[in-house]
């Protein structure tokens, strides 16, 4: 029995880390662009404090979501919403990400003073506090899909959820450019992530649908 539970926790942990890293692509780009807006000597501090504050908020929201998913019907609703997120990801992957900007491109635009209007606006000179705030707000606002996916994957393992989020965000902070470049250059990794998230969404719909049907029979 213990081995089954351990395997369940390890599987959930692997899904949480994989989902969070795949979905970290856009967030890594935001981190890179925000860091590009401050002097070189402050960039590591901006990334550290920005991601540190963001992970605390993300864990908080994920734990709340885990509790909310215990309410009959919300797992089903969350699965449907996550499936919609999968559809958006599918459309983005199919388009080939032609309009994506990598962190290095943002840094290059800062150094050369060139780049399009969107990049130029993102890398304009700013203060340390503003750059940290930019990372926090952008990360939290872009993390609805992440929170739903990891909460659904973690199921009844809140410790797994917290550890998975911590590990994956630490990795994102340590290698924001690397993650963004990998996902930017090797689009097929995004398809693997989409498959994992779609599986989680369908699993949530299956479990949520059974919960609703069971509850309906009891009434």
N, C-alpha and C. Protein backbone atom coordinates (compact mmCIF):
# COMPACT_ATOMS: atom_id res chain seq x y z
N UNK A 1 0.83 -1.21 0.00
CA UNK A 1 0.00 0.00 0.00
C UNK A 1 0.86 1.25 0.00
N UNK A 2 1.94 1.20 0.83
CA UNK A 2 2.84 2.35 0.90
C UNK A 2 3.56 2.56 -0.42
N UNK A 3 3.94 1.46 -1.09
CA UNK A 3 4.63 1.58 -2.37
C UNK A 3 3.73 2.20 -3.43
N UNK A 4 2.42 1.88 -3.38
CA UNK A 4 1.46 2.46 -4.32
C UNK A 4 1.35 3.96 -4.09
N UNK A 5 1.28 4.36 -2.80
CA UNK A 5 1.17 5.77 -2.48
C UNK A 5 2.45 6.52 -2.87
N UNK A 6 3.60 5.89 -2.66
CA UNK A 6 4.88 6.51 -3.04
C UNK A 6 4.94 6.71 -4.55
N UNK A 7 4.52 5.69 -5.29
CA UNK A 7 4.51 5.79 -6.75
C UNK A 7 3.57 6.91 -7.21
N UNK A 8 2.41 7.02 -6.53
CA UNK A 8 1.45 8.08 -6.85
C UNK A 8 2.06 9.46 -6.62
N UNK A 9 2.79 9.60 -5.50
CA UNK A 9 3.43 10.87 -5.18
C UNK A 9 4.55 11.19 -6.18
N UNK A 10 5.35 10.18 -6.53
CA UNK A 10 6.44 10.40 -7.49
C UNK A 10 5.89 10.78 -8.86
N UNK A 11 4.81 10.12 -9.28
CA UNK A 11 4.18 10.44 -10.56
C UNK A 11 3.65 11.87 -10.55
N UNK A 12 2.96 12.23 -9.46
CA UNK A 12 2.42 13.59 -9.34
C UNK A 12 3.55 14.61 -9.34
N UNK A 13 4.65 14.30 -8.63
CA UNK A 13 5.79 15.22 -8.57
C UNK A 13 6.38 15.43 -9.96
N UNK A 14 6.56 14.34 -10.70
CA UNK A 14 7.10 14.45 -12.06
C UNK A 14 6.20 15.26 -12.96
N UNK A 15 4.89 15.08 -12.84
CA UNK A 15 3.94 15.84 -13.66
C UNK A 15 3.99 17.33 -13.30
N UNK A 16 4.05 17.64 -12.00
CA UNK A 16 4.09 19.03 -11.57
C UNK A 16 5.32 19.74 -12.12
N UNK A 17 6.50 19.10 -11.98
CA UNK A 17 7.74 19.71 -12.47
C UNK A 17 7.71 19.87 -13.99
N UNK A 18 7.28 18.82 -14.70
CA UNK A 18 7.23 18.89 -16.17
C UNK A 18 6.29 19.98 -16.64
N UNK A 19 5.11 20.04 -16.05
CA UNK A 19 4.12 21.06 -16.43
C UNK A 19 4.67 22.45 -16.15
N UNK A 20 5.24 22.64 -14.96
CA UNK A 20 5.69 23.97 -14.58
C UNK A 20 6.85 24.45 -15.46
N UNK A 21 7.76 23.53 -15.80
CA UNK A 21 8.89 23.92 -16.66
C UNK A 21 8.43 24.24 -18.08
N UNK A 22 7.51 23.44 -18.61
CA UNK A 22 7.01 23.70 -19.97
C UNK A 22 6.25 25.02 -20.02
N UNK A 23 5.43 25.26 -19.00
CA UNK A 23 4.65 26.49 -18.97
C UNK A 23 5.49 27.69 -18.54
N UNK A 24 6.75 27.45 -18.18
CA UNK A 24 7.62 28.54 -17.72
C UNK A 24 8.22 29.33 -18.88
N UNK A 25 7.98 28.88 -20.11
CA UNK A 25 8.60 29.54 -21.26
C UNK A 25 8.27 31.02 -21.33
N UNK A 26 6.97 31.35 -21.32
CA UNK A 26 6.57 32.75 -21.38
C UNK A 26 7.04 33.51 -20.16
N UNK A 27 6.95 32.87 -18.98
CA UNK A 27 7.39 33.53 -17.75
C UNK A 27 8.89 33.80 -17.77
N UNK A 28 9.67 32.86 -18.33
CA UNK A 28 11.11 33.05 -18.43
C UNK A 28 11.44 34.23 -19.34
N UNK A 29 10.65 34.39 -20.40
CA UNK A 29 10.86 35.52 -21.30
C UNK A 29 10.57 36.83 -20.57
N UNK A 30 9.48 36.86 -19.77
CA UNK A 30 9.15 38.06 -18.98
C UNK A 30 10.27 38.39 -18.01
N UNK A 31 10.81 37.35 -17.34
CA UNK A 31 11.91 37.56 -16.40
C UNK A 31 13.11 38.15 -17.11
N UNK A 32 13.45 37.58 -18.26
CA UNK A 32 14.60 38.07 -19.01
C UNK A 32 14.44 39.50 -19.46
N UNK A 33 13.23 39.84 -19.92
CA UNK A 33 12.98 41.19 -20.42
C UNK A 33 12.96 42.20 -19.27
N UNK A 34 12.40 41.81 -18.11
CA UNK A 34 12.39 42.70 -16.96
C UNK A 34 13.81 42.93 -16.45
N UNK A 35 14.60 41.86 -16.42
CA UNK A 35 15.99 41.98 -15.96
C UNK A 35 16.81 42.82 -16.92
N UNK A 36 16.42 42.82 -18.20
CA UNK A 36 17.16 43.59 -19.19
C UNK A 36 16.99 45.09 -18.99
N UNK A 37 15.96 45.47 -18.22
CA UNK A 37 15.65 46.89 -18.05
C UNK A 37 16.44 47.54 -16.92
N UNK A 38 17.26 46.77 -16.20
CA UNK A 38 18.05 47.34 -15.12
C UNK A 38 19.53 47.13 -15.42
N UNK A 39 20.41 47.85 -14.74
CA UNK A 39 21.85 47.67 -14.96
C UNK A 39 22.28 46.23 -14.75
N UNK A 40 23.38 45.83 -15.43
CA UNK A 40 23.85 44.44 -15.40
C UNK A 40 24.07 43.96 -13.98
N UNK A 41 24.65 44.80 -13.12
CA UNK A 41 24.99 44.34 -11.77
C UNK A 41 23.76 44.09 -10.90
N UNK A 42 22.57 44.57 -11.33
CA UNK A 42 21.35 44.38 -10.54
C UNK A 42 20.48 43.25 -11.06
N UNK A 43 20.83 42.68 -12.20
CA UNK A 43 19.93 41.72 -12.85
C UNK A 43 19.71 40.45 -12.03
N UNK A 44 20.77 39.92 -11.43
CA UNK A 44 20.61 38.71 -10.62
C UNK A 44 19.69 38.97 -9.43
N UNK A 45 19.83 40.14 -8.81
CA UNK A 45 18.98 40.49 -7.66
C UNK A 45 17.52 40.65 -8.09
N UNK A 46 17.31 41.28 -9.24
CA UNK A 46 15.94 41.46 -9.74
C UNK A 46 15.28 40.10 -9.96
N UNK A 47 16.02 39.18 -10.61
CA UNK A 47 15.48 37.84 -10.87
C UNK A 47 15.21 37.12 -9.56
N UNK A 48 16.14 37.22 -8.59
CA UNK A 48 15.99 36.53 -7.31
C UNK A 48 14.75 37.01 -6.56
N UNK A 49 14.64 38.33 -6.36
CA UNK A 49 13.53 38.86 -5.58
C UNK A 49 12.21 38.77 -6.32
N UNK A 50 12.23 38.97 -7.63
CA UNK A 50 11.00 38.88 -8.41
C UNK A 50 10.43 37.48 -8.40
N UNK A 51 11.28 36.48 -8.67
CA UNK A 51 10.81 35.10 -8.70
C UNK A 51 10.48 34.61 -7.28
N UNK A 52 11.26 35.07 -6.29
CA UNK A 52 10.98 34.67 -4.90
C UNK A 52 9.58 35.09 -4.46
N UNK A 53 9.23 36.35 -4.73
CA UNK A 53 7.89 36.84 -4.37
C UNK A 53 6.82 36.13 -5.19
N UNK A 54 7.09 35.90 -6.46
CA UNK A 54 6.11 35.25 -7.34
C UNK A 54 5.83 33.82 -6.91
N UNK A 55 6.85 33.08 -6.49
CA UNK A 55 6.64 31.68 -6.11
C UNK A 55 5.81 31.58 -4.84
N UNK A 56 5.99 32.51 -3.90
CA UNK A 56 5.18 32.50 -2.68
C UNK A 56 3.70 32.68 -3.03
N UNK A 57 3.42 33.65 -3.90
CA UNK A 57 2.04 33.89 -4.32
C UNK A 57 1.49 32.72 -5.11
N UNK A 58 2.34 32.12 -5.97
CA UNK A 58 1.87 31.01 -6.80
C UNK A 58 1.54 29.79 -5.95
N UNK A 59 2.38 29.49 -4.94
CA UNK A 59 2.09 28.36 -4.04
C UNK A 59 0.80 28.61 -3.28
N UNK A 60 0.63 29.86 -2.82
CA UNK A 60 -0.59 30.23 -2.09
C UNK A 60 -1.83 29.98 -2.94
N UNK A 61 -1.81 30.48 -4.18
CA UNK A 61 -2.96 30.30 -5.07
C UNK A 61 -3.17 28.82 -5.42
N UNK A 62 -2.06 28.08 -5.60
CA UNK A 62 -2.19 26.66 -5.95
C UNK A 62 -2.81 25.86 -4.80
N UNK A 63 -2.40 26.17 -3.56
CA UNK A 63 -2.97 25.47 -2.41
C UNK A 63 -4.45 25.80 -2.24
N UNK A 64 -4.82 27.07 -2.49
CA UNK A 64 -6.24 27.45 -2.44
C UNK A 64 -7.01 26.69 -3.51
N UNK A 65 -6.42 26.62 -4.72
CA UNK A 65 -7.07 25.91 -5.82
C UNK A 65 -7.27 24.45 -5.48
N UNK A 66 -6.26 23.83 -4.83
CA UNK A 66 -6.37 22.43 -4.42
C UNK A 66 -7.55 22.23 -3.48
N UNK A 67 -7.74 23.17 -2.55
CA UNK A 67 -8.87 23.08 -1.62
C UNK A 67 -10.19 23.28 -2.34
N UNK A 68 -10.21 24.24 -3.28
CA UNK A 68 -11.44 24.51 -4.02
C UNK A 68 -11.85 23.32 -4.88
N UNK A 69 -10.85 22.59 -5.40
CA UNK A 69 -11.15 21.44 -6.24
C UNK A 69 -11.83 20.32 -5.46
N UNK A 70 -11.81 20.41 -4.11
CA UNK A 70 -12.51 19.42 -3.29
C UNK A 70 -14.02 19.64 -3.33
N UNK A 71 -14.47 20.83 -3.76
CA UNK A 71 -15.89 21.12 -3.88
C UNK A 71 -16.44 20.39 -5.11
N UNK A 72 -17.56 19.72 -4.91
CA UNK A 72 -18.17 18.94 -5.99
C UNK A 72 -18.46 19.84 -7.20
N UNK A 73 -17.95 19.46 -8.35
CA UNK A 73 -18.22 20.19 -9.59
C UNK A 73 -17.09 21.09 -10.03
N UNK A 74 -16.26 21.54 -9.07
CA UNK A 74 -15.19 22.47 -9.43
C UNK A 74 -14.03 21.76 -10.13
N UNK A 75 -13.82 20.48 -9.81
CA UNK A 75 -12.79 19.73 -10.54
C UNK A 75 -13.17 19.62 -12.01
N UNK A 76 -14.46 19.35 -12.27
CA UNK A 76 -14.96 19.28 -13.64
C UNK A 76 -14.80 20.63 -14.34
N UNK A 77 -15.19 21.71 -13.66
CA UNK A 77 -15.08 23.05 -14.24
C UNK A 77 -13.62 23.41 -14.49
N UNK A 78 -12.76 23.06 -13.53
CA UNK A 78 -11.34 23.34 -13.69
C UNK A 78 -10.74 22.57 -14.85
N UNK A 79 -11.18 21.32 -15.04
CA UNK A 79 -10.70 20.52 -16.17
C UNK A 79 -11.12 21.10 -17.50
N UNK A 80 -12.36 21.58 -17.57
CA UNK A 80 -12.85 22.21 -18.81
C UNK A 80 -12.05 23.49 -19.10
N UNK A 81 -11.81 24.29 -18.05
CA UNK A 81 -11.04 25.51 -18.23
C UNK A 81 -9.61 25.19 -18.66
N UNK A 82 -9.03 24.16 -18.06
CA UNK A 82 -7.67 23.77 -18.43
C UNK A 82 -7.63 23.24 -19.86
N UNK A 83 -8.69 22.57 -20.28
CA UNK A 83 -8.77 22.08 -21.66
C UNK A 83 -8.79 23.26 -22.64
N UNK A 84 -9.45 24.35 -22.22
CA UNK A 84 -9.47 25.57 -23.04
C UNK A 84 -8.06 26.15 -23.13
N UNK A 85 -7.32 26.11 -22.00
CA UNK A 85 -5.93 26.55 -22.00
C UNK A 85 -5.12 25.70 -22.97
N UNK A 86 -5.38 24.39 -22.99
CA UNK A 86 -4.68 23.49 -23.92
C UNK A 86 -4.96 23.87 -25.36
N UNK A 87 -6.19 24.27 -25.64
CA UNK A 87 -6.55 24.71 -26.99
C UNK A 87 -5.75 25.95 -27.39
N UNK A 88 -5.62 26.88 -26.44
CA UNK A 88 -4.82 28.08 -26.71
C UNK A 88 -3.37 27.72 -26.96
N UNK A 89 -2.82 26.81 -26.15
CA UNK A 89 -1.44 26.36 -26.34
C UNK A 89 -1.27 25.69 -27.70
N UNK A 90 -2.26 24.88 -28.08
CA UNK A 90 -2.21 24.18 -29.38
C UNK A 90 -2.14 25.19 -30.52
N UNK A 91 -2.96 26.23 -30.44
CA UNK A 91 -2.96 27.25 -31.50
C UNK A 91 -1.64 27.98 -31.56
N UNK A 92 -1.06 28.28 -30.37
CA UNK A 92 0.24 28.97 -30.34
C UNK A 92 1.34 28.10 -30.91
N UNK A 93 1.33 26.81 -30.54
CA UNK A 93 2.36 25.89 -31.06
C UNK A 93 2.21 25.69 -32.57
N UNK A 94 0.97 25.61 -33.04
CA UNK A 94 0.73 25.41 -34.46
C UNK A 94 1.16 26.62 -35.28
N UNK A 95 1.04 27.82 -34.67
CA UNK A 95 1.45 29.04 -35.38
C UNK A 95 2.96 29.15 -35.50
N UNK A 96 3.68 28.36 -34.69
CA UNK A 96 5.14 28.33 -34.80
C UNK A 96 5.84 29.37 -33.99
N UNK A 97 5.10 30.20 -33.21
CA UNK A 97 5.73 31.19 -32.34
C UNK A 97 6.57 32.21 -33.07
N UNK A 98 6.09 32.64 -34.26
CA UNK A 98 6.88 33.57 -35.08
C UNK A 98 7.09 34.91 -34.41
N UNK A 99 6.16 35.30 -33.51
CA UNK A 99 6.24 36.63 -32.90
C UNK A 99 6.91 36.61 -31.54
N UNK A 100 7.45 35.45 -31.11
CA UNK A 100 8.06 35.37 -29.79
C UNK A 100 9.37 36.16 -29.74
N UNK A 101 9.64 36.71 -28.55
CA UNK A 101 10.90 37.42 -28.31
C UNK A 101 11.63 36.72 -27.18
N UNK A 102 12.87 36.33 -27.40
CA UNK A 102 13.64 35.66 -26.36
C UNK A 102 14.29 36.69 -25.45
N UNK A 103 14.68 36.28 -24.22
CA UNK A 103 15.34 37.20 -23.32
C UNK A 103 16.60 37.80 -23.92
N UNK A 104 17.40 37.01 -24.64
CA UNK A 104 18.63 37.53 -25.23
C UNK A 104 18.32 38.59 -26.29
N UNK A 105 17.21 38.41 -27.02
CA UNK A 105 16.82 39.42 -28.00
C UNK A 105 16.45 40.72 -27.29
N UNK A 106 15.80 40.57 -26.12
CA UNK A 106 15.46 41.75 -25.34
C UNK A 106 16.72 42.44 -24.84
N UNK A 107 17.69 41.64 -24.36
CA UNK A 107 18.96 42.20 -23.89
C UNK A 107 19.71 42.88 -25.02
N UNK A 108 19.69 42.26 -26.21
CA UNK A 108 20.36 42.83 -27.37
C UNK A 108 19.73 44.16 -27.76
N UNK A 109 18.39 44.20 -27.66
CA UNK A 109 17.70 45.44 -28.00
C UNK A 109 18.07 46.55 -27.03
N UNK A 110 18.28 46.16 -25.75
CA UNK A 110 18.68 47.15 -24.76
C UNK A 110 20.05 47.72 -25.07
N UNK A 111 20.97 46.83 -25.42
CA UNK A 111 22.34 47.26 -25.67
C UNK A 111 22.49 48.06 -26.93
N UNK A 112 21.73 47.72 -27.97
CA UNK A 112 21.90 48.37 -29.25
C UNK A 112 20.96 49.54 -29.46
N UNK A 113 19.90 49.59 -28.63
CA UNK A 113 18.92 50.65 -28.80
C UNK A 113 18.00 50.37 -29.95
N UNK A 114 18.06 49.16 -30.53
CA UNK A 114 17.20 48.81 -31.65
C UNK A 114 16.08 47.92 -31.18
N UNK A 115 15.30 47.41 -32.14
CA UNK A 115 14.21 46.49 -31.81
C UNK A 115 12.88 47.12 -32.08
N UNK A 116 11.85 46.29 -32.14
CA UNK A 116 10.54 46.82 -32.45
C UNK A 116 9.95 47.53 -31.25
N UNK A 117 8.75 48.08 -31.43
CA UNK A 117 8.14 48.90 -30.39
C UNK A 117 7.84 48.09 -29.14
N UNK A 118 7.40 46.83 -29.33
CA UNK A 118 7.04 46.01 -28.17
C UNK A 118 8.26 45.71 -27.32
N UNK A 119 9.35 45.34 -27.98
CA UNK A 119 10.57 45.04 -27.24
C UNK A 119 11.12 46.30 -26.61
N UNK A 120 11.12 47.38 -27.36
CA UNK A 120 11.65 48.63 -26.85
C UNK A 120 10.92 49.09 -25.60
N UNK A 121 9.58 48.91 -25.60
CA UNK A 121 8.80 49.30 -24.44
C UNK A 121 9.13 48.42 -23.25
N UNK A 122 9.36 47.13 -23.51
CA UNK A 122 9.59 46.20 -22.42
C UNK A 122 10.95 46.40 -21.78
N UNK A 123 11.94 46.86 -22.56
CA UNK A 123 13.29 46.93 -22.01
C UNK A 123 13.71 48.37 -21.69
N UNK A 124 12.74 49.28 -21.63
CA UNK A 124 13.07 50.64 -21.28
C UNK A 124 13.68 50.67 -19.88
N UNK A 125 14.58 51.62 -19.63
CA UNK A 125 15.25 51.71 -18.34
C UNK A 125 14.23 51.89 -17.23
N UNK A 126 14.37 51.15 -16.14
CA UNK A 126 13.43 51.23 -15.03
C UNK A 126 14.19 51.04 -13.74
N UNK A 127 13.49 51.20 -12.61
CA UNK A 127 14.13 51.06 -11.31
C UNK A 127 14.14 49.60 -10.88
N UNK A 128 14.94 49.32 -9.87
CA UNK A 128 15.03 47.95 -9.35
C UNK A 128 13.67 47.48 -8.86
N UNK A 129 13.00 48.30 -8.05
CA UNK A 129 11.70 47.93 -7.50
C UNK A 129 10.65 47.72 -8.59
N UNK A 130 10.67 48.57 -9.60
CA UNK A 130 9.70 48.45 -10.69
C UNK A 130 9.91 47.17 -11.48
N UNK A 131 11.19 46.80 -11.68
CA UNK A 131 11.49 45.58 -12.41
C UNK A 131 11.02 44.34 -11.63
N UNK A 132 11.25 44.34 -10.31
CA UNK A 132 10.79 43.23 -9.47
C UNK A 132 9.27 43.14 -9.51
N UNK A 133 8.60 44.29 -9.38
CA UNK A 133 7.14 44.33 -9.42
C UNK A 133 6.62 43.82 -10.77
N UNK A 134 7.29 44.18 -11.82
CA UNK A 134 6.92 43.73 -13.17
C UNK A 134 6.96 42.20 -13.24
N UNK A 135 8.02 41.60 -12.71
CA UNK A 135 8.15 40.14 -12.72
C UNK A 135 7.03 39.49 -11.91
N UNK A 136 6.78 40.02 -10.71
CA UNK A 136 5.76 39.44 -9.83
C UNK A 136 4.37 39.49 -10.48
N UNK A 137 3.99 40.68 -10.95
CA UNK A 137 2.65 40.86 -11.54
C UNK A 137 2.49 40.00 -12.79
N UNK A 138 3.51 40.02 -13.66
CA UNK A 138 3.43 39.26 -14.90
C UNK A 138 3.38 37.76 -14.62
N UNK A 139 4.21 37.28 -13.68
CA UNK A 139 4.25 35.86 -13.39
C UNK A 139 2.93 35.36 -12.83
N UNK A 140 2.37 36.11 -11.88
CA UNK A 140 1.11 35.69 -11.26
C UNK A 140 -0.03 35.74 -12.26
N UNK A 141 -0.08 36.82 -13.04
CA UNK A 141 -1.18 36.98 -13.99
C UNK A 141 -1.10 35.96 -15.12
N UNK A 142 0.10 35.48 -15.44
CA UNK A 142 0.28 34.50 -16.51
C UNK A 142 0.22 33.06 -16.01
N UNK A 143 -0.02 32.87 -14.70
CA UNK A 143 0.12 31.54 -14.12
C UNK A 143 -1.19 30.83 -13.83
N UNK A 144 -2.31 31.32 -14.35
CA UNK A 144 -3.58 30.62 -14.13
C UNK A 144 -3.52 29.20 -14.69
N UNK A 145 -3.00 29.08 -15.92
CA UNK A 145 -2.89 27.75 -16.51
C UNK A 145 -1.97 26.86 -15.68
N UNK A 146 -0.88 27.44 -15.19
CA UNK A 146 0.09 26.70 -14.38
C UNK A 146 -0.55 26.20 -13.09
N UNK A 147 -1.24 27.11 -12.38
CA UNK A 147 -1.85 26.77 -11.10
C UNK A 147 -2.89 25.66 -11.27
N UNK A 148 -3.73 25.81 -12.29
CA UNK A 148 -4.76 24.79 -12.54
C UNK A 148 -4.13 23.44 -12.86
N UNK A 149 -3.10 23.47 -13.71
CA UNK A 149 -2.48 22.22 -14.15
C UNK A 149 -1.78 21.50 -13.00
N UNK A 150 -0.98 22.23 -12.21
CA UNK A 150 -0.25 21.57 -11.13
C UNK A 150 -1.18 21.15 -10.00
N UNK A 151 -2.24 21.93 -9.76
CA UNK A 151 -3.21 21.54 -8.73
C UNK A 151 -3.92 20.26 -9.15
N UNK A 152 -4.26 20.16 -10.43
CA UNK A 152 -4.90 18.95 -10.93
C UNK A 152 -3.97 17.76 -10.91
N UNK A 153 -2.70 17.97 -11.23
CA UNK A 153 -1.72 16.87 -11.24
C UNK A 153 -1.38 16.41 -9.83
N UNK A 154 -1.28 17.36 -8.89
CA UNK A 154 -0.89 17.01 -7.51
C UNK A 154 -2.01 16.28 -6.78
N UNK A 155 -3.25 16.51 -7.17
CA UNK A 155 -4.42 15.86 -6.56
C UNK A 155 -4.39 16.04 -5.04
N UNK A 156 -4.22 14.94 -4.30
CA UNK A 156 -4.28 15.00 -2.83
C UNK A 156 -2.89 15.03 -2.20
N UNK A 157 -1.92 15.59 -2.91
CA UNK A 157 -0.55 15.63 -2.40
C UNK A 157 -0.05 17.09 -2.33
N UNK A 158 -0.51 17.88 -1.35
CA UNK A 158 -0.08 19.28 -1.26
C UNK A 158 1.42 19.45 -1.10
N UNK A 159 2.07 18.51 -0.39
CA UNK A 159 3.53 18.58 -0.21
C UNK A 159 4.22 18.44 -1.56
N UNK A 160 3.73 17.52 -2.38
CA UNK A 160 4.28 17.32 -3.72
C UNK A 160 4.10 18.59 -4.54
N UNK A 161 2.94 19.22 -4.40
CA UNK A 161 2.66 20.45 -5.15
C UNK A 161 3.67 21.54 -4.79
N UNK A 162 3.87 21.75 -3.48
CA UNK A 162 4.80 22.79 -3.03
C UNK A 162 6.23 22.50 -3.46
N UNK A 163 6.68 21.26 -3.26
CA UNK A 163 8.06 20.88 -3.62
C UNK A 163 8.27 20.98 -5.13
N UNK A 164 7.28 20.53 -5.89
CA UNK A 164 7.40 20.59 -7.35
C UNK A 164 7.47 22.02 -7.85
N UNK A 165 6.62 22.89 -7.30
CA UNK A 165 6.64 24.30 -7.69
C UNK A 165 7.97 24.96 -7.31
N UNK A 166 8.44 24.68 -6.09
CA UNK A 166 9.70 25.27 -5.64
C UNK A 166 10.85 24.86 -6.55
N UNK A 167 10.96 23.56 -6.83
CA UNK A 167 12.06 23.06 -7.65
C UNK A 167 12.02 23.66 -9.05
N UNK A 168 10.84 23.64 -9.66
CA UNK A 168 10.74 24.10 -11.04
C UNK A 168 10.98 25.61 -11.16
N UNK A 169 10.51 26.39 -10.18
CA UNK A 169 10.72 27.84 -10.25
C UNK A 169 12.17 28.18 -9.94
N UNK A 170 12.82 27.42 -9.04
CA UNK A 170 14.25 27.62 -8.80
C UNK A 170 15.03 27.37 -10.09
N UNK A 171 14.65 26.29 -10.78
CA UNK A 171 15.31 25.98 -12.05
C UNK A 171 15.05 27.08 -13.07
N UNK A 172 13.82 27.61 -13.07
CA UNK A 172 13.49 28.68 -14.02
C UNK A 172 14.32 29.92 -13.72
N UNK A 173 14.47 30.24 -12.43
CA UNK A 173 15.26 31.41 -12.07
C UNK A 173 16.73 31.25 -12.40
N UNK A 174 17.23 30.01 -12.23
CA UNK A 174 18.64 29.75 -12.50
C UNK A 174 18.94 29.69 -13.99
N UNK A 175 17.94 29.36 -14.77
CA UNK A 175 18.17 29.17 -16.21
C UNK A 175 17.04 29.75 -17.05
N UNK A 176 16.62 30.97 -16.73
CA UNK A 176 15.51 31.58 -17.46
C UNK A 176 15.80 31.65 -18.95
N UNK A 177 17.01 32.11 -19.30
CA UNK A 177 17.37 32.20 -20.72
C UNK A 177 17.43 30.83 -21.37
N UNK A 178 17.99 29.85 -20.64
CA UNK A 178 18.14 28.50 -21.21
C UNK A 178 16.77 27.90 -21.53
N UNK A 179 15.84 27.98 -20.55
CA UNK A 179 14.50 27.43 -20.74
C UNK A 179 13.81 28.10 -21.92
N UNK A 180 13.88 29.43 -21.95
CA UNK A 180 13.23 30.17 -23.03
C UNK A 180 13.82 29.79 -24.39
N UNK A 181 15.15 29.66 -24.45
CA UNK A 181 15.81 29.31 -25.71
C UNK A 181 15.44 27.90 -26.16
N UNK A 182 15.42 26.95 -25.20
CA UNK A 182 15.08 25.57 -25.54
C UNK A 182 13.67 25.49 -26.13
N UNK A 183 12.71 26.15 -25.45
CA UNK A 183 11.34 26.11 -25.93
C UNK A 183 11.18 26.91 -27.22
N UNK A 184 12.03 27.93 -27.39
CA UNK A 184 11.96 28.77 -28.58
C UNK A 184 12.52 28.03 -29.79
N UNK A 185 13.62 27.30 -29.58
CA UNK A 185 14.28 26.61 -30.69
C UNK A 185 13.69 25.23 -30.98
N UNK A 186 13.32 24.52 -29.91
CA UNK A 186 12.82 23.15 -30.07
C UNK A 186 11.34 23.11 -29.72
N UNK A 187 10.53 23.43 -30.69
CA UNK A 187 9.09 23.53 -30.46
C UNK A 187 8.47 22.20 -30.06
N UNK A 188 9.09 21.10 -30.43
CA UNK A 188 8.51 19.78 -30.12
C UNK A 188 8.40 19.53 -28.62
N UNK A 189 9.26 20.19 -27.82
CA UNK A 189 9.16 20.03 -26.37
C UNK A 189 7.83 20.60 -25.88
N UNK A 190 7.41 21.68 -26.53
CA UNK A 190 6.12 22.27 -26.19
C UNK A 190 4.97 21.31 -26.43
N UNK A 191 5.08 20.48 -27.50
CA UNK A 191 4.04 19.49 -27.80
C UNK A 191 3.97 18.42 -26.72
N UNK A 192 5.14 18.04 -26.18
CA UNK A 192 5.16 17.06 -25.08
C UNK A 192 4.45 17.64 -23.86
N UNK A 193 4.77 18.89 -23.57
CA UNK A 193 4.12 19.56 -22.44
C UNK A 193 2.62 19.67 -22.65
N UNK A 194 2.21 19.98 -23.88
CA UNK A 194 0.78 20.08 -24.20
C UNK A 194 0.09 18.73 -23.97
N UNK A 195 0.76 17.64 -24.34
CA UNK A 195 0.18 16.30 -24.15
C UNK A 195 -0.02 16.01 -22.65
N UNK A 196 0.98 16.39 -21.83
CA UNK A 196 0.88 16.15 -20.38
C UNK A 196 -0.27 16.96 -19.80
N UNK A 197 -0.36 18.24 -20.18
CA UNK A 197 -1.40 19.11 -19.63
C UNK A 197 -2.79 18.67 -20.10
N UNK A 198 -2.88 18.23 -21.36
CA UNK A 198 -4.15 17.73 -21.88
C UNK A 198 -4.59 16.49 -21.10
N UNK A 199 -3.62 15.60 -20.79
CA UNK A 199 -3.94 14.41 -19.99
C UNK A 199 -4.48 14.83 -18.63
N UNK A 200 -3.83 15.81 -17.99
CA UNK A 200 -4.29 16.28 -16.67
C UNK A 200 -5.70 16.84 -16.78
N UNK A 201 -5.96 17.64 -17.84
CA UNK A 201 -7.28 18.24 -18.02
C UNK A 201 -8.35 17.17 -18.20
N UNK A 202 -8.07 16.17 -19.04
CA UNK A 202 -9.04 15.09 -19.28
C UNK A 202 -9.26 14.26 -18.01
N UNK A 203 -8.17 14.06 -17.25
CA UNK A 203 -8.29 13.32 -15.99
C UNK A 203 -9.16 14.09 -15.01
N UNK A 204 -8.99 15.42 -14.95
CA UNK A 204 -9.82 16.25 -14.07
C UNK A 204 -11.28 16.19 -14.51
N UNK A 205 -11.53 16.23 -15.82
CA UNK A 205 -12.90 16.16 -16.33
C UNK A 205 -13.52 14.81 -15.98
N UNK A 206 -12.74 13.72 -16.12
CA UNK A 206 -13.23 12.37 -15.80
C UNK A 206 -13.56 12.26 -14.31
N UNK A 207 -12.61 12.68 -13.47
CA UNK A 207 -12.84 12.59 -12.02
C UNK A 207 -13.98 13.51 -11.58
N UNK A 208 -13.98 14.74 -12.14
CA UNK A 208 -15.03 15.70 -11.78
C UNK A 208 -16.40 15.25 -12.24
N UNK A 209 -16.46 14.67 -13.45
CA UNK A 209 -17.73 14.16 -13.96
C UNK A 209 -18.27 13.04 -13.10
N UNK A 210 -17.38 12.13 -12.67
CA UNK A 210 -17.79 11.04 -11.79
C UNK A 210 -18.29 11.56 -10.45
N UNK A 211 -17.62 12.60 -9.93
CA UNK A 211 -18.05 13.19 -8.66
C UNK A 211 -19.45 13.77 -8.78
N UNK A 212 -19.70 14.50 -9.89
CA UNK A 212 -21.01 15.11 -10.10
C UNK A 212 -22.09 14.04 -10.26
N UNK A 213 -21.80 12.98 -11.03
CA UNK A 213 -22.77 11.90 -11.24
C UNK A 213 -23.06 11.16 -9.94
N UNK A 214 -22.01 10.90 -9.16
CA UNK A 214 -22.18 10.22 -7.87
C UNK A 214 -23.05 11.05 -6.94
N UNK A 215 -22.77 12.36 -6.90
CA UNK A 215 -23.54 13.26 -6.05
C UNK A 215 -24.99 13.32 -6.50
N UNK A 216 -25.20 13.30 -7.83
CA UNK A 216 -26.56 13.37 -8.37
C UNK A 216 -27.36 12.12 -7.99
N UNK A 217 -26.69 10.95 -7.97
CA UNK A 217 -27.36 9.71 -7.59
C UNK A 217 -27.72 9.69 -6.11
N UNK A 218 -26.92 10.40 -5.31
CA UNK A 218 -27.17 10.42 -3.87
C UNK A 218 -28.33 11.33 -3.51
N UNK A 219 -28.65 12.28 -4.40
CA UNK A 219 -29.73 13.23 -4.11
C UNK A 219 -31.10 12.58 -4.30
